[in-house]
């Protein structure tokens, strides 16, 4: 029995050695590939697909069209914007509609001109969702910022049990209106002093963490 077991042990040792050598070879290969990946660098400059495209006739005429809708006072062209904490970019135009009807007409004009649309609240920059991004970020179309700051009405309904807020209403404005009705906001947010809009709070979580949460 001893003589029969010896060849089996030798074969087993050979298989173990083969597995060990194979594992070392795979590990070495993986290490080489990992080093190759770590030494790679991202391409610099702009590729043809990401270069800024020239404005179309409708895009060039967009800012004047927006001025016809909301008035020249509420339209700015080629505006660089920066959030207070996050984000920076240049908008082809910033427009501030003063009514829901104007907002709808502005939206339609931007769609007709094939422009990117960015709704904007107070532009606190807390979440970076309201800052325009241009061709430097790979966009192939101009961006129009639709600022909602003029749409800030807060209207109580159901005997003051609920408040209807337009997109530009700030969370501090809502709290103030609620206090007039001897009520309070559902939650108090950390950045209430910046008065970020309720719409931004719904869309991007603007307003920061809750310091007190209601029932």
N, C-alpha and C. Protein backbone atom coordinates (compact mmCIF):
# COMPACT_ATOMS: atom_id res chain seq x y z
N UNK A 1 0.82 -1.21 0.00
CA UNK A 1 0.00 0.00 0.00
C UNK A 1 0.85 1.27 0.00
N UNK A 2 1.96 1.16 0.70
CA UNK A 2 2.83 2.34 0.77
C UNK A 2 3.39 2.68 -0.59
N UNK A 3 3.80 1.69 -1.34
CA UNK A 3 4.37 1.92 -2.67
C UNK A 3 3.32 2.51 -3.63
N UNK A 4 2.06 2.12 -3.47
CA UNK A 4 1.02 2.65 -4.35
C UNK A 4 0.69 4.11 -4.00
N UNK A 5 0.78 4.44 -2.73
CA UNK A 5 0.45 5.80 -2.31
C UNK A 5 1.51 6.81 -2.71
N UNK A 6 2.74 6.38 -2.79
CA UNK A 6 3.82 7.31 -3.11
C UNK A 6 3.64 7.97 -4.48
N UNK A 7 3.33 7.21 -5.55
CA UNK A 7 3.10 7.87 -6.83
C UNK A 7 1.92 8.84 -6.78
N UNK A 8 0.89 8.48 -6.00
CA UNK A 8 -0.27 9.37 -5.90
C UNK A 8 0.11 10.68 -5.23
N UNK A 9 0.94 10.56 -4.20
CA UNK A 9 1.39 11.78 -3.53
C UNK A 9 2.23 12.65 -4.45
N UNK A 10 3.07 12.03 -5.25
CA UNK A 10 3.90 12.79 -6.19
C UNK A 10 3.02 13.49 -7.23
N UNK A 11 1.99 12.79 -7.71
CA UNK A 11 1.09 13.39 -8.71
C UNK A 11 0.33 14.57 -8.10
N UNK A 12 -0.08 14.34 -6.83
CA UNK A 12 -0.80 15.42 -6.15
C UNK A 12 0.10 16.64 -5.96
N UNK A 13 1.36 16.41 -5.62
CA UNK A 13 2.31 17.52 -5.45
C UNK A 13 2.54 18.26 -6.76
N UNK A 14 2.58 17.48 -7.85
CA UNK A 14 2.77 18.09 -9.17
C UNK A 14 1.57 18.97 -9.54
N UNK A 15 0.36 18.45 -9.25
CA UNK A 15 -0.83 19.24 -9.56
C UNK A 15 -0.86 20.51 -8.72
N UNK A 16 -0.48 20.39 -7.44
CA UNK A 16 -0.44 21.57 -6.59
C UNK A 16 0.55 22.60 -7.08
N UNK A 17 1.69 22.12 -7.53
CA UNK A 17 2.70 23.04 -8.06
C UNK A 17 2.21 23.73 -9.32
N UNK A 18 1.50 22.95 -10.16
CA UNK A 18 0.96 23.53 -11.41
C UNK A 18 -0.06 24.61 -11.11
N UNK A 19 -0.96 24.34 -10.14
CA UNK A 19 -1.96 25.34 -9.76
C UNK A 19 -1.29 26.59 -9.19
N UNK A 20 -0.29 26.40 -8.38
CA UNK A 20 0.42 27.54 -7.79
C UNK A 20 1.09 28.38 -8.86
N UNK A 21 1.74 27.69 -9.81
CA UNK A 21 2.41 28.42 -10.90
C UNK A 21 1.39 29.16 -11.75
N UNK A 22 0.24 28.51 -12.00
CA UNK A 22 -0.81 29.16 -12.79
C UNK A 22 -1.36 30.39 -12.09
N UNK A 23 -1.58 30.27 -10.77
CA UNK A 23 -2.10 31.41 -10.01
C UNK A 23 -1.11 32.56 -10.01
N UNK A 24 0.17 32.25 -9.87
CA UNK A 24 1.19 33.30 -9.90
C UNK A 24 1.24 33.99 -11.26
N UNK A 25 1.09 33.18 -12.33
CA UNK A 25 1.11 33.74 -13.67
C UNK A 25 -0.07 34.68 -13.90
N UNK A 26 -1.27 34.24 -13.46
CA UNK A 26 -2.45 35.08 -13.60
C UNK A 26 -2.31 36.36 -12.78
N UNK A 27 -1.79 36.23 -11.55
CA UNK A 27 -1.59 37.39 -10.70
C UNK A 27 -0.61 38.38 -11.31
N UNK A 28 0.46 37.86 -11.90
CA UNK A 28 1.45 38.72 -12.54
C UNK A 28 0.83 39.45 -13.73
N UNK A 29 0.05 38.70 -14.54
CA UNK A 29 -0.61 39.30 -15.71
C UNK A 29 -1.59 40.40 -15.29
N UNK A 30 -2.38 40.10 -14.24
CA UNK A 30 -3.34 41.09 -13.75
C UNK A 30 -2.62 42.33 -13.23
N UNK A 31 -1.48 42.12 -12.57
CA UNK A 31 -0.72 43.26 -12.06
C UNK A 31 -0.19 44.14 -13.17
N UNK A 32 0.29 43.49 -14.25
CA UNK A 32 0.78 44.25 -15.41
C UNK A 32 -0.34 45.07 -16.03
N UNK A 33 -1.52 44.44 -16.21
CA UNK A 33 -2.66 45.14 -16.82
C UNK A 33 -3.12 46.29 -15.93
N UNK A 34 -3.12 46.05 -14.61
CA UNK A 34 -3.54 47.11 -13.69
C UNK A 34 -2.59 48.29 -13.77
N UNK A 35 -1.30 48.03 -13.89
CA UNK A 35 -0.33 49.11 -14.00
C UNK A 35 -0.52 49.87 -15.30
N UNK A 36 -0.82 49.13 -16.40
CA UNK A 36 -1.07 49.78 -17.69
C UNK A 36 -2.25 50.73 -17.59
N UNK A 37 -3.34 50.28 -16.90
CA UNK A 37 -4.52 51.12 -16.76
C UNK A 37 -4.23 52.36 -15.93
N UNK A 38 -3.43 52.18 -14.86
CA UNK A 38 -3.13 53.32 -14.00
C UNK A 38 -2.27 54.36 -14.68
N UNK A 39 -1.51 53.95 -15.70
CA UNK A 39 -0.64 54.89 -16.40
C UNK A 39 -1.35 55.60 -17.54
N UNK A 40 -2.58 55.14 -17.86
CA UNK A 40 -3.32 55.78 -18.95
C UNK A 40 -3.79 57.16 -18.52
N UNK A 41 -3.86 58.07 -19.46
CA UNK A 41 -4.34 59.42 -19.18
C UNK A 41 -5.53 59.72 -20.08
N UNK A 42 -6.45 60.53 -19.56
CA UNK A 42 -7.61 60.89 -20.35
C UNK A 42 -7.20 61.81 -21.49
N UNK A 43 -7.87 61.70 -22.65
CA UNK A 43 -7.52 62.56 -23.77
C UNK A 43 -7.81 64.02 -23.45
N UNK A 44 -6.93 64.89 -23.87
CA UNK A 44 -7.11 66.32 -23.65
C UNK A 44 -7.63 66.96 -24.93
N UNK A 45 -8.13 68.20 -24.77
CA UNK A 45 -8.68 68.89 -25.93
C UNK A 45 -10.08 68.40 -26.22
N UNK A 46 -10.67 68.93 -27.29
CA UNK A 46 -12.05 68.57 -27.64
C UNK A 46 -12.07 67.68 -28.85
N UNK A 47 -12.91 66.64 -28.74
CA UNK A 47 -13.13 65.80 -29.92
C UNK A 47 -14.14 66.49 -30.82
N UNK A 48 -14.19 66.06 -32.06
CA UNK A 48 -15.07 66.72 -33.03
C UNK A 48 -16.52 66.65 -32.60
N UNK A 49 -16.92 65.52 -31.95
CA UNK A 49 -18.31 65.36 -31.56
C UNK A 49 -18.70 66.28 -30.42
N UNK A 50 -17.72 66.78 -29.67
CA UNK A 50 -18.03 67.57 -28.48
C UNK A 50 -17.70 69.05 -28.64
N UNK A 51 -17.21 69.44 -29.77
CA UNK A 51 -16.89 70.84 -29.99
C UNK A 51 -18.17 71.68 -29.98
N UNK A 52 -18.04 72.93 -29.59
CA UNK A 52 -19.19 73.83 -29.59
C UNK A 52 -19.69 74.02 -31.01
N UNK A 53 -21.00 73.79 -31.19
CA UNK A 53 -21.60 73.97 -32.51
C UNK A 53 -22.02 75.42 -32.69
N UNK A 54 -21.95 75.94 -33.90
CA UNK A 54 -22.42 77.31 -34.14
C UNK A 54 -23.91 77.40 -33.89
N UNK A 55 -24.35 78.57 -33.41
CA UNK A 55 -25.77 78.76 -33.14
C UNK A 55 -26.58 78.77 -34.42
N UNK A 56 -27.75 78.17 -34.36
CA UNK A 56 -28.67 78.20 -35.50
C UNK A 56 -29.35 79.57 -35.53
N UNK A 57 -30.08 79.83 -36.60
CA UNK A 57 -30.77 81.11 -36.73
C UNK A 57 -31.80 81.28 -35.61
N UNK A 58 -32.51 80.21 -35.27
CA UNK A 58 -33.51 80.29 -34.21
C UNK A 58 -32.85 80.53 -32.84
N UNK A 59 -31.69 79.92 -32.64
CA UNK A 59 -31.00 80.11 -31.37
C UNK A 59 -30.46 81.53 -31.24
N UNK A 60 -29.99 82.10 -32.34
CA UNK A 60 -29.53 83.49 -32.31
C UNK A 60 -30.68 84.45 -32.02
N UNK A 61 -31.86 84.08 -32.48
CA UNK A 61 -33.03 84.95 -32.30
C UNK A 61 -33.77 84.67 -30.99
N UNK A 62 -33.27 83.73 -30.21
CA UNK A 62 -34.00 83.31 -29.02
C UNK A 62 -34.07 84.40 -27.94
N UNK A 63 -32.95 85.04 -27.62
CA UNK A 63 -32.96 86.07 -26.58
C UNK A 63 -33.93 87.20 -26.90
N UNK A 64 -33.92 87.76 -28.13
CA UNK A 64 -34.93 88.77 -28.46
C UNK A 64 -36.36 88.25 -28.35
N UNK A 65 -36.56 86.98 -28.71
CA UNK A 65 -37.89 86.38 -28.60
C UNK A 65 -38.32 86.31 -27.14
N UNK A 66 -37.40 85.94 -26.27
CA UNK A 66 -37.72 85.88 -24.85
C UNK A 66 -38.03 87.27 -24.29
N UNK A 67 -37.32 88.28 -24.78
CA UNK A 67 -37.57 89.65 -24.34
C UNK A 67 -38.97 90.10 -24.73
N UNK A 68 -39.45 89.63 -25.88
CA UNK A 68 -40.81 89.96 -26.31
C UNK A 68 -41.84 89.37 -25.34
N UNK A 69 -41.51 88.24 -24.75
CA UNK A 69 -42.46 87.55 -23.87
C UNK A 69 -42.48 88.16 -22.48
N UNK A 70 -41.30 88.38 -21.90
CA UNK A 70 -41.24 88.82 -20.49
C UNK A 70 -40.80 90.26 -20.31
N UNK A 71 -40.32 90.89 -21.38
CA UNK A 71 -39.80 92.25 -21.29
C UNK A 71 -38.28 92.23 -21.22
N UNK A 72 -37.65 93.23 -21.80
CA UNK A 72 -36.18 93.28 -21.88
C UNK A 72 -35.52 93.31 -20.50
N UNK A 73 -36.20 93.87 -19.52
CA UNK A 73 -35.63 93.97 -18.17
C UNK A 73 -35.32 92.60 -17.58
N UNK A 74 -36.07 91.60 -18.00
CA UNK A 74 -35.97 90.28 -17.38
C UNK A 74 -35.27 89.25 -18.26
N UNK A 75 -34.45 89.71 -19.17
CA UNK A 75 -33.66 88.80 -20.01
C UNK A 75 -32.22 89.30 -20.06
N UNK A 76 -31.28 88.41 -19.82
CA UNK A 76 -29.85 88.71 -19.94
C UNK A 76 -29.22 87.67 -20.85
N UNK A 77 -28.23 88.09 -21.62
CA UNK A 77 -27.56 87.19 -22.55
C UNK A 77 -26.12 86.93 -22.12
N UNK A 78 -25.63 85.72 -22.42
CA UNK A 78 -24.24 85.32 -22.14
C UNK A 78 -23.85 85.64 -20.71
N UNK A 79 -24.54 85.01 -19.79
CA UNK A 79 -24.37 85.29 -18.36
C UNK A 79 -23.56 84.16 -17.71
N UNK A 80 -22.48 84.54 -17.04
CA UNK A 80 -21.74 83.57 -16.25
C UNK A 80 -22.33 83.52 -14.86
N UNK A 81 -22.68 82.31 -14.43
CA UNK A 81 -23.29 82.15 -13.12
C UNK A 81 -22.47 81.17 -12.28
N UNK A 82 -22.50 81.40 -10.98
CA UNK A 82 -21.78 80.54 -10.05
C UNK A 82 -22.62 80.33 -8.81
N UNK A 83 -22.78 79.07 -8.43
CA UNK A 83 -23.49 78.79 -7.19
C UNK A 83 -22.67 79.21 -6.00
N UNK A 84 -23.32 79.48 -4.89
CA UNK A 84 -22.58 79.92 -3.70
C UNK A 84 -21.66 78.83 -3.17
N UNK A 85 -21.96 77.57 -3.48
CA UNK A 85 -21.12 76.48 -2.99
C UNK A 85 -20.65 75.55 -4.10
N UNK A 86 -21.51 75.28 -5.09
CA UNK A 86 -21.19 74.29 -6.13
C UNK A 86 -21.58 74.83 -7.49
N UNK A 87 -20.71 74.61 -8.49
CA UNK A 87 -21.08 74.84 -9.88
C UNK A 87 -20.74 76.20 -10.44
N UNK A 88 -20.45 76.21 -11.74
CA UNK A 88 -20.14 77.44 -12.46
C UNK A 88 -20.33 77.17 -13.94
N UNK A 89 -20.86 78.16 -14.68
CA UNK A 89 -21.06 77.98 -16.11
C UNK A 89 -21.63 79.23 -16.74
N UNK A 90 -21.72 79.20 -18.06
CA UNK A 90 -22.23 80.34 -18.83
C UNK A 90 -23.54 79.97 -19.50
N UNK A 91 -24.55 80.80 -19.29
CA UNK A 91 -25.86 80.59 -19.91
C UNK A 91 -26.00 81.45 -21.15
N UNK A 92 -26.58 80.88 -22.20
CA UNK A 92 -26.86 81.66 -23.41
C UNK A 92 -27.80 82.80 -23.07
N UNK A 93 -28.74 82.53 -22.18
CA UNK A 93 -29.67 83.56 -21.72
C UNK A 93 -30.23 83.17 -20.36
N UNK A 94 -30.54 84.18 -19.55
CA UNK A 94 -31.25 83.99 -18.29
C UNK A 94 -32.54 84.79 -18.40
N UNK A 95 -33.66 84.11 -18.22
CA UNK A 95 -34.96 84.75 -18.38
C UNK A 95 -35.77 84.54 -17.12
N UNK A 96 -36.52 85.61 -16.72
CA UNK A 96 -37.31 85.56 -15.50
C UNK A 96 -38.78 85.83 -15.81
N UNK A 97 -39.55 84.77 -16.06
CA UNK A 97 -40.97 84.97 -16.33
C UNK A 97 -41.70 85.48 -15.10
N UNK A 98 -42.74 86.30 -15.32
CA UNK A 98 -43.47 86.89 -14.20
C UNK A 98 -44.83 86.27 -13.97
N UNK A 99 -45.20 85.29 -14.78
CA UNK A 99 -46.48 84.60 -14.61
C UNK A 99 -46.33 83.19 -15.15
N UNK A 100 -47.29 82.35 -14.80
CA UNK A 100 -47.26 80.97 -15.31
C UNK A 100 -47.41 80.98 -16.83
N UNK A 101 -48.25 81.88 -17.34
CA UNK A 101 -48.43 81.99 -18.79
C UNK A 101 -47.11 82.34 -19.47
N UNK A 102 -46.39 83.32 -18.92
CA UNK A 102 -45.09 83.68 -19.49
C UNK A 102 -44.11 82.52 -19.41
N UNK A 103 -44.13 81.79 -18.30
CA UNK A 103 -43.23 80.65 -18.15
C UNK A 103 -43.50 79.60 -19.23
N UNK A 104 -44.75 79.36 -19.53
CA UNK A 104 -45.10 78.39 -20.57
C UNK A 104 -44.65 78.86 -21.94
N UNK A 105 -44.81 80.14 -22.21
CA UNK A 105 -44.40 80.68 -23.51
C UNK A 105 -42.87 80.66 -23.64
N UNK A 106 -42.17 80.97 -22.55
CA UNK A 106 -40.70 80.90 -22.55
C UNK A 106 -40.24 79.47 -22.81
N UNK A 107 -40.87 78.54 -22.16
CA UNK A 107 -40.53 77.13 -22.34
C UNK A 107 -40.72 76.70 -23.79
N UNK A 108 -41.83 77.09 -24.39
CA UNK A 108 -42.10 76.72 -25.77
C UNK A 108 -41.10 77.35 -26.73
N UNK A 109 -40.71 78.61 -26.46
CA UNK A 109 -39.73 79.28 -27.32
C UNK A 109 -38.38 78.57 -27.26
N UNK A 110 -38.00 78.11 -26.09
CA UNK A 110 -36.73 77.39 -25.95
C UNK A 110 -36.78 76.05 -26.68
N UNK A 111 -37.91 75.37 -26.58
CA UNK A 111 -38.07 74.09 -27.29
C UNK A 111 -38.00 74.31 -28.80
N UNK A 112 -38.67 75.34 -29.27
CA UNK A 112 -38.67 75.63 -30.72
C UNK A 112 -37.27 75.96 -31.22
N UNK A 113 -36.43 76.54 -30.36
CA UNK A 113 -35.06 76.91 -30.75
C UNK A 113 -34.07 75.79 -30.50
N UNK A 114 -34.54 74.66 -29.99
CA UNK A 114 -33.67 73.51 -29.68
C UNK A 114 -32.57 73.91 -28.71
N UNK A 115 -32.97 74.56 -27.62
CA UNK A 115 -32.02 74.97 -26.59
C UNK A 115 -32.20 74.10 -25.35
N UNK A 116 -31.13 73.90 -24.60
CA UNK A 116 -31.23 73.22 -23.31
C UNK A 116 -31.93 74.14 -22.33
N UNK A 117 -32.72 73.56 -21.44
CA UNK A 117 -33.51 74.34 -20.50
C UNK A 117 -33.10 73.97 -19.08
N UNK A 118 -32.84 74.99 -18.26
CA UNK A 118 -32.45 74.76 -16.88
C UNK A 118 -33.31 75.61 -15.96
N UNK A 119 -34.28 75.01 -15.25
CA UNK A 119 -35.06 75.76 -14.27
C UNK A 119 -34.15 76.15 -13.11
N UNK A 120 -34.35 77.35 -12.60
CA UNK A 120 -33.48 77.84 -11.52
C UNK A 120 -34.32 78.49 -10.43
N UNK A 121 -33.98 78.17 -9.18
CA UNK A 121 -34.66 78.79 -8.05
C UNK A 121 -33.88 79.99 -7.57
N UNK A 122 -33.39 79.92 -6.33
CA UNK A 122 -32.64 81.03 -5.75
C UNK A 122 -31.16 80.98 -6.12
N UNK A 123 -30.74 79.94 -6.79
CA UNK A 123 -29.34 79.74 -7.18
C UNK A 123 -28.41 79.80 -5.98
N UNK A 124 -28.80 79.12 -4.92
CA UNK A 124 -27.94 79.06 -3.74
C UNK A 124 -26.69 78.23 -4.01
N UNK A 125 -26.78 77.31 -4.97
CA UNK A 125 -25.63 76.47 -5.28
C UNK A 125 -25.42 75.35 -4.28
N UNK A 126 -26.42 75.08 -3.45
CA UNK A 126 -26.26 74.05 -2.41
C UNK A 126 -26.15 72.66 -3.01
N UNK A 127 -26.83 72.43 -4.12
CA UNK A 127 -26.77 71.11 -4.76
C UNK A 127 -26.20 71.17 -6.17
N UNK A 128 -25.94 72.36 -6.70
CA UNK A 128 -25.35 72.48 -8.03
C UNK A 128 -26.31 72.22 -9.17
N UNK A 129 -27.60 72.11 -8.86
CA UNK A 129 -28.56 71.78 -9.92
C UNK A 129 -29.02 72.96 -10.75
N UNK A 130 -28.68 74.19 -10.35
CA UNK A 130 -29.22 75.36 -11.04
C UNK A 130 -28.18 76.12 -11.85
N UNK A 131 -26.97 75.60 -11.92
CA UNK A 131 -25.90 76.31 -12.63
C UNK A 131 -25.79 75.80 -14.07
N UNK A 132 -25.72 76.70 -15.04
CA UNK A 132 -25.67 76.25 -16.45
C UNK A 132 -24.38 75.52 -16.78
N UNK A 133 -24.46 74.64 -17.74
CA UNK A 133 -23.30 73.91 -18.26
C UNK A 133 -23.24 74.17 -19.77
N UNK A 134 -22.08 74.55 -20.27
CA UNK A 134 -21.95 74.87 -21.69
C UNK A 134 -21.18 73.81 -22.45
N UNK A 135 -20.65 74.19 -23.63
CA UNK A 135 -19.92 73.25 -24.48
C UNK A 135 -18.66 72.75 -23.79
N UNK A 136 -18.17 73.53 -22.81
CA UNK A 136 -16.99 73.08 -22.09
C UNK A 136 -17.27 71.82 -21.28
N UNK A 137 -18.56 71.51 -21.10
CA UNK A 137 -18.95 70.29 -20.41
C UNK A 137 -19.53 69.26 -21.37
N UNK A 138 -19.36 69.50 -22.67
CA UNK A 138 -19.79 68.51 -23.64
C UNK A 138 -21.16 68.74 -24.25
N UNK A 139 -21.85 69.83 -23.87
CA UNK A 139 -23.16 70.11 -24.45
C UNK A 139 -23.01 70.64 -25.87
N UNK A 140 -23.94 70.23 -26.73
CA UNK A 140 -23.86 70.66 -28.13
C UNK A 140 -24.90 71.73 -28.45
N UNK A 141 -25.59 72.24 -27.42
CA UNK A 141 -26.61 73.27 -27.62
C UNK A 141 -26.48 74.34 -26.54
N UNK A 142 -26.96 75.54 -26.81
CA UNK A 142 -26.92 76.59 -25.78
C UNK A 142 -27.91 76.30 -24.66
N UNK A 143 -27.62 76.80 -23.47
CA UNK A 143 -28.48 76.60 -22.30
C UNK A 143 -29.19 77.89 -21.93
N UNK A 144 -30.48 77.79 -21.72
CA UNK A 144 -31.28 78.93 -21.25
C UNK A 144 -31.71 78.63 -19.83
N UNK A 145 -31.38 79.54 -18.92
CA UNK A 145 -31.80 79.41 -17.53
C UNK A 145 -33.14 80.12 -17.36
N UNK A 146 -34.14 79.37 -16.92
CA UNK A 146 -35.44 79.96 -16.61
C UNK A 146 -35.50 80.17 -15.10
N UNK A 147 -35.24 81.38 -14.69
CA UNK A 147 -35.20 81.71 -13.27
C UNK A 147 -36.62 81.96 -12.76
N UNK A 148 -36.96 81.27 -11.67
CA UNK A 148 -38.33 81.32 -11.16
C UNK A 148 -38.54 82.33 -10.03
N UNK A 149 -37.58 83.20 -9.80
CA UNK A 149 -37.62 84.07 -8.63
C UNK A 149 -38.83 85.00 -8.59
N UNK A 150 -39.41 85.32 -9.75
CA UNK A 150 -40.58 86.20 -9.77
C UNK A 150 -41.88 85.45 -9.50
N UNK A 151 -41.83 84.13 -9.62
CA UNK A 151 -43.02 83.31 -9.38
C UNK A 151 -42.99 82.83 -7.93
N UNK A 152 -43.25 83.73 -7.00
CA UNK A 152 -43.05 83.41 -5.59
C UNK A 152 -44.32 83.51 -4.74
N UNK A 153 -45.47 83.43 -5.37
CA UNK A 153 -46.72 83.51 -4.62
C UNK A 153 -46.91 82.30 -3.72
N UNK A 154 -47.44 82.53 -2.54
CA UNK A 154 -47.79 81.47 -1.60
C UNK A 154 -49.27 81.67 -1.25
N UNK A 155 -50.11 80.71 -1.61
CA UNK A 155 -51.56 80.87 -1.48
C UNK A 155 -52.14 79.82 -0.54
N UNK A 156 -52.77 80.24 0.55
CA UNK A 156 -53.41 79.27 1.45
C UNK A 156 -54.71 78.74 0.86
N UNK A 157 -54.98 77.46 1.07
CA UNK A 157 -56.24 76.83 0.65
C UNK A 157 -56.76 75.98 1.80
N UNK A 158 -57.98 75.52 1.65
CA UNK A 158 -58.61 74.65 2.67
C UNK A 158 -58.55 75.30 4.05
N UNK A 159 -59.01 76.56 4.10
CA UNK A 159 -59.04 77.30 5.37
C UNK A 159 -57.67 77.41 6.03
N UNK A 160 -56.65 77.53 5.20
CA UNK A 160 -55.30 77.71 5.71
C UNK A 160 -54.62 76.44 6.16
N UNK A 161 -55.23 75.30 5.91
CA UNK A 161 -54.60 74.03 6.30
C UNK A 161 -53.48 73.62 5.34
N UNK A 162 -53.52 74.18 4.12
CA UNK A 162 -52.50 73.85 3.13
C UNK A 162 -52.05 75.13 2.44
N UNK A 163 -50.86 75.10 1.87
CA UNK A 163 -50.33 76.24 1.13
C UNK A 163 -49.94 75.77 -0.28
N UNK A 164 -50.36 76.52 -1.28
CA UNK A 164 -49.94 76.27 -2.66
C UNK A 164 -48.82 77.25 -2.98
N UNK A 165 -47.65 76.73 -3.33
CA UNK A 165 -46.48 77.57 -3.57
C UNK A 165 -46.10 77.50 -5.05
N UNK A 166 -45.88 78.65 -5.66
CA UNK A 166 -45.32 78.66 -7.00
C UNK A 166 -43.82 78.34 -6.91
N UNK A 167 -43.23 78.08 -8.07
CA UNK A 167 -41.87 77.51 -8.10
C UNK A 167 -40.82 78.38 -7.43
N UNK A 168 -41.01 79.69 -7.41
CA UNK A 168 -39.99 80.58 -6.86
C UNK A 168 -40.18 80.92 -5.40
N UNK A 169 -41.20 80.38 -4.76
CA UNK A 169 -41.43 80.67 -3.35
C UNK A 169 -40.33 80.04 -2.50
N UNK A 170 -39.75 80.83 -1.60
CA UNK A 170 -38.67 80.33 -0.75
C UNK A 170 -39.21 79.61 0.48
N UNK A 171 -38.41 78.73 1.05
CA UNK A 171 -38.86 77.99 2.22
C UNK A 171 -39.05 78.91 3.42
N UNK A 172 -38.28 80.00 3.48
CA UNK A 172 -38.49 80.96 4.57
C UNK A 172 -39.79 81.74 4.35
N UNK A 173 -40.09 82.07 3.06
CA UNK A 173 -41.35 82.75 2.74
C UNK A 173 -42.54 81.88 3.14
N UNK A 174 -42.43 80.58 2.90
CA UNK A 174 -43.51 79.65 3.26
C UNK A 174 -43.69 79.63 4.78
N UNK A 175 -42.58 79.59 5.51
CA UNK A 175 -42.65 79.57 6.97
C UNK A 175 -43.29 80.84 7.50
N UNK A 176 -42.95 81.97 6.90
CA UNK A 176 -43.53 83.26 7.32
C UNK A 176 -45.03 83.29 7.06
N UNK A 177 -45.43 82.83 5.88
CA UNK A 177 -46.86 82.80 5.54
C UNK A 177 -47.62 81.87 6.46
N UNK A 178 -47.03 80.74 6.78
CA UNK A 178 -47.68 79.78 7.66
C UNK A 178 -47.87 80.37 9.06
N UNK A 179 -46.86 81.13 9.53
CA UNK A 179 -46.95 81.72 10.87
C UNK A 179 -48.08 82.75 10.94
N UNK A 180 -48.36 83.43 9.82
CA UNK A 180 -49.47 84.38 9.78
C UNK A 180 -50.81 83.69 9.97
N UNK A 181 -50.86 82.41 9.61
CA UNK A 181 -52.09 81.62 9.74
C UNK A 181 -52.08 80.78 11.01
N UNK A 182 -51.15 81.12 11.92
CA UNK A 182 -50.98 80.39 13.17
C UNK A 182 -50.68 78.92 12.92
N UNK A 183 -49.88 78.68 11.87
CA UNK A 183 -49.45 77.32 11.54
C UNK A 183 -47.94 77.37 11.31
N UNK A 184 -47.36 76.23 11.07
CA UNK A 184 -45.93 76.20 10.81
C UNK A 184 -45.61 75.21 9.70
N UNK A 185 -44.42 75.35 9.14
CA UNK A 185 -43.98 74.47 8.07
C UNK A 185 -43.79 73.06 8.61
N UNK A 186 -43.94 72.08 7.71
CA UNK A 186 -43.80 70.68 8.11
C UNK A 186 -42.42 70.41 8.70
N UNK A 187 -41.37 70.99 8.08
CA UNK A 187 -40.00 70.77 8.54
C UNK A 187 -39.23 72.08 8.51
N UNK A 188 -38.25 72.19 9.37
CA UNK A 188 -37.34 73.33 9.36
C UNK A 188 -36.00 72.83 8.84
N UNK A 189 -35.50 73.47 7.79
CA UNK A 189 -34.30 73.00 7.12
C UNK A 189 -33.08 73.82 7.52
N UNK A 190 -31.91 73.20 7.40
CA UNK A 190 -30.68 73.81 7.86
C UNK A 190 -30.32 75.11 7.18
N UNK A 191 -30.64 75.24 5.90
CA UNK A 191 -30.24 76.45 5.16
C UNK A 191 -31.41 77.39 4.93
N UNK A 192 -32.34 77.43 5.87
CA UNK A 192 -33.51 78.28 5.70
C UNK A 192 -33.13 79.75 5.56
N UNK A 193 -31.98 80.14 6.13
CA UNK A 193 -31.56 81.54 6.08
C UNK A 193 -31.19 81.97 4.66
N UNK A 194 -30.89 81.00 3.78
CA UNK A 194 -30.60 81.32 2.38
C UNK A 194 -31.88 81.39 1.54
N UNK A 195 -32.99 80.97 2.13
CA UNK A 195 -34.29 81.00 1.47
C UNK A 195 -34.30 80.29 0.12
N UNK A 196 -33.77 79.07 0.02
CA UNK A 196 -33.86 78.32 -1.23
C UNK A 196 -35.31 78.02 -1.55
N UNK A 197 -35.62 77.83 -2.82
CA UNK A 197 -37.01 77.69 -3.22
C UNK A 197 -37.58 76.32 -2.87
N UNK A 198 -38.88 76.31 -2.69
CA UNK A 198 -39.56 75.05 -2.40
C UNK A 198 -39.44 74.09 -3.58
N UNK A 199 -39.49 74.62 -4.80
CA UNK A 199 -39.38 73.76 -5.98
C UNK A 199 -38.02 73.08 -6.03
N UNK A 200 -36.96 73.80 -5.68
CA UNK A 200 -35.63 73.20 -5.66
C UNK A 200 -35.52 72.15 -4.57
N UNK A 201 -36.24 72.37 -3.49
CA UNK A 201 -36.25 71.38 -2.43
C UNK A 201 -36.87 70.08 -2.88
N UNK A 202 -37.93 70.18 -3.68
CA UNK A 202 -38.59 68.98 -4.21
C UNK A 202 -37.72 68.31 -5.27
N UNK A 203 -37.12 69.12 -6.15
CA UNK A 203 -36.40 68.57 -7.29
C UNK A 203 -35.01 68.05 -6.94
N UNK A 204 -34.28 68.80 -6.09
CA UNK A 204 -32.87 68.47 -5.84
C UNK A 204 -32.52 68.31 -4.36
N UNK A 205 -33.51 68.47 -3.48
CA UNK A 205 -33.18 68.38 -2.06
C UNK A 205 -32.53 69.63 -1.52
N UNK A 206 -32.67 70.75 -2.24
CA UNK A 206 -32.08 72.00 -1.77
C UNK A 206 -32.71 72.38 -0.44
N UNK A 207 -31.94 73.00 0.41
CA UNK A 207 -32.40 73.38 1.72
C UNK A 207 -31.60 72.74 2.83
N UNK A 208 -30.83 71.72 2.46
CA UNK A 208 -29.96 71.11 3.44
C UNK A 208 -30.68 70.10 4.32
N UNK A 209 -29.98 69.62 5.32
CA UNK A 209 -30.54 68.62 6.21
C UNK A 209 -31.56 69.25 7.15
N UNK A 210 -32.46 68.42 7.63
CA UNK A 210 -33.52 68.91 8.50
C UNK A 210 -32.98 69.12 9.92
N UNK A 211 -33.28 70.32 10.47
CA UNK A 211 -32.95 70.55 11.86
C UNK A 211 -34.11 70.15 12.76
N UNK A 212 -35.31 70.14 12.18
CA UNK A 212 -36.47 69.66 12.92
C UNK A 212 -37.49 69.14 11.91
N UNK A 213 -37.94 67.92 12.11
CA UNK A 213 -38.89 67.30 11.19
C UNK A 213 -40.25 67.20 11.83
N UNK A 214 -41.24 67.56 11.06
CA UNK A 214 -42.60 67.51 11.57
C UNK A 214 -43.17 66.10 11.60
N UNK A 215 -44.41 65.98 12.07
CA UNK A 215 -45.03 64.63 12.18
C UNK A 215 -45.32 64.03 10.82
